[in-house]
Amino acid sequence: MLRPILLLALLALLILYFRQPQSNSSPIHSKTVKTFLKQQHQQQPPKNGRTVAVGDLHSDLAQTLAVLRLANVIDADSNWSGGHDTLVQTGDIVDRGPDTIALYNLFNKLRKQAKEAGGKVVNVYGNHEVMNLGGDLRYVTEEDYASFGGRQKRKEAWDVKTGWLGQEIFNNFNITHIQNGHTVFTHGDMEPEWARLGAETLNSLSRDAIWKGDFRHAPIFQGSGKCPIWSRSHATQEDGMEETCKRVDAVKKALGVNRLISGHTPQYRTGKILSICNGGYMVIDVGISKYYGGHLAALEIVENDDGSQSVYALYPGGKRLV
């Protein structure tokens, strides 16, 4: 439905049109009205926007802006341009680069702008977010420390109860996200044992562990348990392709979804999104940051009228059906 101001503008055009002589020299004619309506229709955001997902960013602002522009969710001024789209980022915004503050500030800004436009920004915990919240700083660069004003100020900022960044992350991140009932996003691979608990339980377990500071013993964060932030079993097909796809199917059945999307396992050798199990499982960590080669790619999911979804890989060279 056109907004009231647009209706008024259209009414003014119609009044001018009917007051003009009906001739070819008339400056306002039916073609102008049709063009106006067409332009306004094109400017209206779709009622059911796309879902766009990007993988690990690792404190690289320039590459992050490049991939978000590739996906058409930000404009030249780095403001939200995605309308009703949903942007999902699958974790590991931090570490290995200098732009930690800039990136978290960017996502905080986009989250607010997207909401105002009828869209949404979703952030999923990566293992590097959890490591930093828990004091595991082995991959923090000196430039990163300096951007916070030193190690102590950085530590204070990441405190989940009192730090500006720790609170922001705690209030806006979850360990998993199911989009429109058809796609589950995690940083690492979702295993059937975890999927059977359900997304809400997993998110509750992770929030409880983070609030209590239980990073060493909480099963939800332990790599040995193939938890959702650490597992790479599907990506590496460690049990062979057939068994991997059986486990992927088990997760899909447990959560009632059509596909699993992960980051975490960088596809920097190809720079392309990995898709296996007939599109039932994909890895979107293509090595976006310069640390991993600076490859640009995003995933796009389009809702079809029949309830199905079309899934595309977006690359600088074009868009490909996955």
Protein backbone atom coordinates (compact mmCIF):
# COMPACT_ATOMS: atom_id res chain seq x y z
CA MET A 1 0.00 0.00 0.00
CA LEU A 2 1.35 3.43 -0.91
CA ARG A 3 2.07 5.73 1.98
CA PRO A 4 -0.24 8.78 2.51
CA ILE A 5 2.38 11.23 1.27
CA LEU A 6 2.74 9.25 -1.94
CA LEU A 7 -1.04 9.21 -2.40
CA LEU A 8 -1.10 12.99 -2.05
CA ALA A 9 1.69 13.34 -4.59
CA LEU A 10 -0.18 11.06 -7.00
CA LEU A 11 -3.39 13.03 -6.48
CA ALA A 12 -1.54 16.26 -7.33
CA LEU A 13 -0.23 14.70 -10.52
CA LEU A 14 -3.72 13.56 -11.51
CA ILE A 15 -5.17 17.04 -10.90
CA LEU A 16 -2.46 18.60 -13.05
CA TYR A 17 -3.04 15.97 -15.67
CA PHE A 18 -6.78 16.62 -16.02
CA ARG A 19 -6.23 20.40 -16.09
CA GLN A 20 -3.81 20.12 -19.02
CA PRO A 21 -4.94 20.13 -22.64
CA GLN A 22 -5.05 16.59 -23.93
CA SER A 23 -2.32 16.84 -26.53
CA ASN A 24 1.08 15.43 -27.22
CA SER A 25 2.64 18.67 -25.96
CA SER A 26 1.19 18.23 -22.48
CA PRO A 27 4.02 18.12 -19.88
CA ILE A 28 1.95 15.83 -17.62
CA HIS A 29 0.33 12.83 -19.30
CA SER A 30 -0.64 9.25 -18.57
CA LYS A 31 2.87 7.96 -19.24
CA THR A 32 4.21 10.22 -16.49
CA VAL A 33 1.62 8.90 -14.03
CA LYS A 34 2.44 5.30 -14.95
CA THR A 35 6.15 5.97 -14.56
CA PHE A 36 5.55 7.56 -11.16
CA LEU A 37 3.54 4.56 -9.98
CA LYS A 38 6.13 2.13 -11.30
CA GLN A 39 8.95 3.95 -9.52
CA GLN A 40 7.09 4.06 -6.23
CA HIS A 41 6.23 0.38 -6.49
CA GLN A 42 9.88 -0.46 -7.09
CA GLN A 43 10.92 1.58 -4.05
CA GLN A 44 8.67 -0.36 -1.68
CA PRO A 45 10.63 -3.05 0.18
CA PRO A 46 9.35 -6.60 -0.38
CA LYS A 47 6.95 -7.88 2.26
CA ASN A 48 9.07 -11.00 2.72
CA GLY A 49 12.73 -10.04 2.26
CA ARG A 50 15.71 -12.16 1.47
CA THR A 51 17.88 -13.90 4.01
CA VAL A 52 21.55 -13.04 3.48
CA ALA A 53 24.31 -14.74 5.46
CA VAL A 54 28.04 -14.09 5.75
CA GLY A 55 30.70 -16.08 7.57
CA ASP A 56 33.78 -15.32 9.65
CA LEU A 57 35.06 -11.73 9.39
CA HIS A 58 38.02 -11.69 11.80
CA SER A 59 38.40 -7.98 12.53
CA ASP A 60 38.72 -6.90 8.91
CA LEU A 61 36.55 -3.84 8.32
CA ALA A 62 37.38 -3.27 4.67
CA GLN A 63 36.51 -6.83 3.67
CA THR A 64 33.38 -6.79 5.81
CA LEU A 65 32.09 -3.67 4.08
CA ALA A 66 32.94 -5.19 0.72
CA VAL A 67 31.01 -8.41 1.34
CA LEU A 68 27.98 -6.57 2.79
CA ARG A 69 27.89 -4.33 -0.29
CA LEU A 70 28.20 -7.40 -2.49
CA ALA A 71 25.12 -8.74 -0.73
CA ASN A 72 23.28 -5.41 -1.19
CA VAL A 73 22.48 -4.92 2.49
CA ILE A 74 24.52 -1.72 2.97
CA ASP A 75 25.00 1.35 0.80
CA ALA A 76 28.08 3.37 -0.13
CA ASP A 77 27.93 5.12 3.26
CA SER A 78 27.81 1.79 5.13
CA ASN A 79 24.20 2.26 6.20
CA TRP A 80 21.49 -0.39 6.00
CA SER A 81 19.98 -0.69 2.53
CA GLY A 82 18.46 -4.15 2.85
CA GLY A 83 14.88 -3.09 3.50
CA HIS A 84 13.02 -6.13 4.87
CA ASP A 85 16.00 -8.45 4.41
CA THR A 86 17.49 -10.47 7.26
CA LEU A 87 21.27 -10.49 7.59
CA VAL A 88 22.76 -13.41 9.52
CA GLN A 89 26.42 -13.31 10.55
CA THR A 90 27.66 -16.67 11.80
CA GLY A 91 30.25 -15.52 14.31
CA ASP A 92 33.99 -14.87 14.63
CA ILE A 93 33.81 -11.14 14.09
CA VAL A 94 36.82 -10.82 16.39
CA ASP A 95 40.53 -11.86 16.39
CA ARG A 96 43.35 -12.05 13.83
CA GLY A 97 42.88 -8.40 12.77
CA PRO A 98 42.81 -4.78 13.99
CA ASP A 99 39.18 -3.71 13.48
CA THR A 100 37.31 -5.32 16.36
CA ILE A 101 35.69 -2.15 17.72
CA ALA A 102 34.75 -0.90 14.27
CA LEU A 103 33.08 -4.17 13.33
CA TYR A 104 31.00 -4.59 16.47
CA ASN A 105 29.96 -0.94 16.22
CA LEU A 106 28.99 -1.51 12.59
CA PHE A 107 26.76 -4.46 13.43
CA ASN A 108 25.21 -2.58 16.33
CA LYS A 109 24.35 0.31 13.99
CA LEU A 110 23.02 -1.98 11.26
CA ARG A 111 20.92 -3.89 13.79
CA LYS A 112 19.11 -0.67 14.72
CA GLN A 113 18.79 0.59 11.16
CA ALA A 114 17.49 -2.75 9.89
CA LYS A 115 14.83 -2.86 12.59
CA GLU A 116 13.64 0.62 11.63
CA ALA A 117 13.40 -0.46 7.98
CA GLY A 118 11.50 -3.66 8.75
CA GLY A 119 14.53 -5.91 8.38
CA LYS A 120 16.70 -7.72 10.88
CA VAL A 121 20.33 -8.39 11.77
CA VAL A 122 21.08 -11.70 13.51
CA ASN A 123 24.43 -12.44 15.18
CA VAL A 124 25.53 -15.95 16.13
CA TYR A 125 28.31 -16.69 18.61
CA GLY A 126 31.55 -17.94 17.12
CA ASN A 127 34.21 -19.74 19.11
CA HIS A 128 36.30 -16.56 19.03
CA GLU A 129 33.54 -14.51 20.69
CA VAL A 130 33.31 -17.11 23.43
CA MET A 131 37.10 -17.28 23.77
CA ASN A 132 37.34 -13.51 24.23
CA LEU A 133 34.48 -13.41 26.72
CA GLY A 134 36.23 -16.17 28.66
CA GLY A 135 39.65 -14.51 28.63
CA ASP A 136 41.30 -16.70 25.97
CA LEU A 137 43.15 -13.99 24.05
CA ARG A 138 45.72 -15.97 22.10
CA TYR A 139 44.57 -14.60 18.72
CA VAL A 140 44.20 -10.93 19.69
CA THR A 141 46.56 -8.65 17.75
CA GLU A 142 48.57 -5.78 19.17
CA GLU A 143 46.60 -3.38 16.98
CA ASP A 144 43.42 -4.70 18.57
CA TYR A 145 44.74 -4.10 22.09
CA ALA A 146 45.81 -0.59 21.11
CA SER A 147 42.38 0.25 19.69
CA PHE A 148 40.86 -0.32 23.15
CA GLY A 149 43.56 1.75 24.85
CA GLY A 150 45.53 -1.19 26.20
CA ARG A 151 45.03 -4.68 27.59
CA GLN A 152 43.31 -3.68 30.80
CA LYS A 153 40.77 -1.45 29.07
CA ARG A 154 40.10 -4.16 26.55
CA LYS A 155 39.48 -6.66 29.35
CA GLU A 156 37.04 -4.24 30.98
CA ALA A 157 35.19 -3.67 27.71
CA TRP A 158 34.63 -7.40 27.19
CA ASP A 159 33.17 -7.99 30.67
CA VAL A 160 29.71 -9.42 30.05
CA LYS A 161 28.17 -7.73 33.10
CA THR A 162 29.84 -4.33 33.12
CA GLY A 163 31.70 -3.85 29.83
CA TRP A 164 30.15 -1.94 26.93
CA LEU A 165 31.10 -4.59 24.37
CA GLY A 166 30.51 -7.63 26.56
CA GLN A 167 26.99 -6.45 27.35
CA GLU A 168 26.28 -5.67 23.70
CA ILE A 169 27.33 -9.14 22.63
CA PHE A 170 25.47 -10.89 25.46
CA ASN A 171 22.25 -9.01 24.66
CA ASN A 172 22.32 -9.59 20.91
CA PHE A 173 24.05 -12.92 20.17
CA ASN A 174 22.80 -16.50 20.37
CA ILE A 175 24.51 -19.82 19.77
CA THR A 176 22.01 -20.78 17.05
CA HIS A 177 19.27 -19.23 14.95
CA ILE A 178 16.48 -20.79 12.90
CA GLN A 179 15.31 -18.55 10.07
CA ASN A 180 11.66 -18.74 9.00
CA GLY A 181 11.50 -22.36 10.12
CA HIS A 182 13.61 -23.67 7.24
CA THR A 183 17.30 -22.91 7.88
CA VAL A 184 19.40 -23.34 11.02
CA PHE A 185 22.54 -21.23 11.46
CA THR A 186 25.40 -22.05 13.81
CA HIS A 187 29.07 -21.18 13.83
CA GLY A 188 30.36 -24.74 14.03
CA ASP A 189 28.47 -27.80 12.90
CA MET A 190 25.19 -28.68 14.58
CA GLU A 191 25.32 -32.28 15.74
CA PRO A 192 22.17 -34.45 16.13
CA GLU A 193 22.77 -34.83 19.88
CA TRP A 194 22.56 -31.06 20.34
CA ALA A 195 19.78 -30.55 17.80
CA ARG A 196 17.48 -32.84 19.75
CA LEU A 197 17.56 -30.37 22.63
CA GLY A 198 16.04 -27.66 20.42
CA ALA A 199 17.25 -24.19 19.52
CA GLU A 200 15.66 -22.43 22.51
CA THR A 201 17.33 -24.80 24.97
CA LEU A 202 20.72 -24.39 23.29
CA ASN A 203 20.46 -20.62 23.41
CA SER A 204 19.40 -20.75 27.05
CA LEU A 205 22.29 -23.05 27.97
CA SER A 206 24.82 -20.78 26.28
CA ARG A 207 23.45 -17.61 27.87
CA ASP A 208 23.47 -19.23 31.31
CA ALA A 209 27.06 -20.44 30.91
CA ILE A 210 28.27 -17.05 29.67
CA TRP A 211 26.56 -15.15 32.48
CA LYS A 212 28.10 -17.47 35.06
CA GLY A 213 31.51 -17.29 33.38
CA ASP A 214 31.53 -21.06 32.93
CA PHE A 215 33.62 -21.30 29.78
CA ARG A 216 35.87 -24.19 30.76
CA HIS A 217 33.37 -26.79 31.91
CA ALA A 218 30.01 -26.01 30.28
CA PRO A 219 29.40 -28.79 27.69
CA ILE A 220 27.87 -26.29 25.28
CA PHE A 221 31.32 -24.72 24.82
CA GLN A 222 33.60 -27.74 24.90
CA GLY A 223 35.24 -28.77 21.64
CA SER A 224 35.66 -32.38 22.79
CA GLY A 225 31.87 -32.66 22.85
CA LYS A 226 31.47 -31.51 19.26
CA CYS A 227 29.56 -28.47 20.45
CA PRO A 228 27.91 -25.95 18.11
CA ILE A 229 30.79 -23.45 18.19
CA TRP A 230 33.63 -25.93 17.67
CA SER A 231 32.51 -28.95 15.63
CA ARG A 232 33.82 -29.42 12.09
CA SER A 233 32.60 -32.99 11.59
CA HIS A 234 30.21 -32.22 8.70
CA ALA A 235 32.57 -29.83 6.95
CA THR A 236 35.44 -32.31 6.98
CA GLN A 237 33.21 -35.35 6.40
CA GLU A 238 35.29 -37.09 9.05
CA ASP A 239 33.09 -40.21 8.94
CA GLY A 240 32.74 -40.24 5.17
CA MET A 241 30.15 -38.53 3.00
CA GLU A 242 27.38 -41.09 3.49
CA GLU A 243 27.56 -41.01 7.29
CA THR A 244 27.92 -37.23 7.28
CA CYS A 245 24.73 -36.82 5.27
CA LYS A 246 22.91 -39.20 7.60
CA ARG A 247 23.89 -37.00 10.53
CA VAL A 248 22.89 -33.87 8.62
CA ASP A 249 19.50 -35.46 7.90
CA ALA A 250 19.14 -36.31 11.60
CA VAL A 251 19.69 -32.66 12.52
CA LYS A 252 17.21 -31.50 9.87
CA LYS A 253 14.61 -33.91 11.23
CA ALA A 254 15.20 -32.94 14.86
CA LEU A 255 14.83 -29.22 14.14
CA GLY A 256 12.30 -29.44 11.31
CA VAL A 257 14.50 -27.52 8.88
CA ASN A 258 15.61 -27.93 5.28
CA ARG A 259 19.28 -27.03 5.63
CA LEU A 260 22.18 -26.37 8.00
CA ILE A 261 24.48 -23.37 7.53
CA SER A 262 27.84 -23.11 9.33
CA GLY A 263 30.94 -20.96 9.36
CA HIS A 264 34.12 -21.91 11.24
CA THR A 265 35.81 -24.16 8.69
CA PRO A 266 37.49 -21.76 6.24
CA GLN A 267 37.21 -22.65 2.56
CA TYR A 268 40.15 -20.40 1.75
CA ARG A 269 41.64 -22.79 -0.81
CA THR A 270 38.60 -22.37 -3.09
CA GLY A 271 37.10 -19.14 -1.77
CA LYS A 272 33.69 -20.69 -2.49
CA ILE A 273 30.74 -21.78 -0.38
CA LEU A 274 30.81 -25.52 0.33
CA SER A 275 27.53 -27.35 -0.32
CA ILE A 276 27.06 -31.07 0.30
CA CYS A 277 24.23 -33.52 1.03
CA ASN A 278 22.09 -32.14 -1.81
CA GLY A 279 22.20 -28.65 -0.36
CA GLY A 280 21.31 -29.86 3.11
CA TYR A 281 24.55 -28.55 4.58
CA MET A 282 26.67 -25.53 3.64
CA VAL A 283 29.78 -23.78 4.93
CA ILE A 284 29.87 -20.02 4.31
CA ASP A 285 33.27 -19.28 5.86
CA VAL A 286 35.11 -18.66 2.58
CA GLY A 287 38.02 -16.73 4.10
CA ILE A 288 36.59 -13.22 3.85
CA SER A 289 39.30 -11.52 5.91
CA LYS A 290 42.65 -10.75 4.34
CA TYR A 291 44.20 -13.06 6.94
CA TYR A 292 42.52 -15.98 5.12
CA GLY A 293 42.97 -14.68 1.59
CA GLY A 294 40.31 -11.99 1.23
CA HIS A 295 37.67 -14.02 -0.64
CA LEU A 296 34.22 -12.45 -1.00
CA ALA A 297 31.05 -14.52 -0.89
CA ALA A 298 27.63 -14.38 0.74
CA LEU A 299 24.67 -16.76 0.86
CA GLU A 300 21.25 -15.60 -0.29
CA ILE A 301 17.98 -17.40 0.46
CA VAL A 302 14.88 -16.29 -1.43
CA GLU A 303 11.38 -17.27 -0.28
CA ASN A 304 9.29 -18.68 -3.14
CA ASP A 305 5.51 -18.36 -3.41
CA ASP A 306 5.04 -22.11 -3.02
CA GLY A 307 6.78 -22.15 0.38
CA SER A 308 10.09 -23.45 -0.95
CA GLN A 309 13.36 -21.55 -0.98
CA SER A 310 15.91 -20.80 -3.68
CA VAL A 311 19.48 -20.63 -2.38
CA TYR A 312 22.24 -18.70 -4.13
CA ALA A 313 25.92 -18.03 -3.64
CA LEU A 314 26.81 -14.40 -4.27
CA TYR A 315 30.30 -13.76 -5.65
CA PRO A 316 31.93 -10.70 -7.20
CA GLY A 317 31.60 -12.43 -10.55
CA GLY A 318 27.91 -13.14 -10.24
CA LYS A 319 25.15 -15.10 -8.55
CA ARG A 320 24.98 -18.89 -8.65
CA LEU A 321 22.26 -21.31 -7.62
CA VAL A 322 23.57 -23.58 -4.86
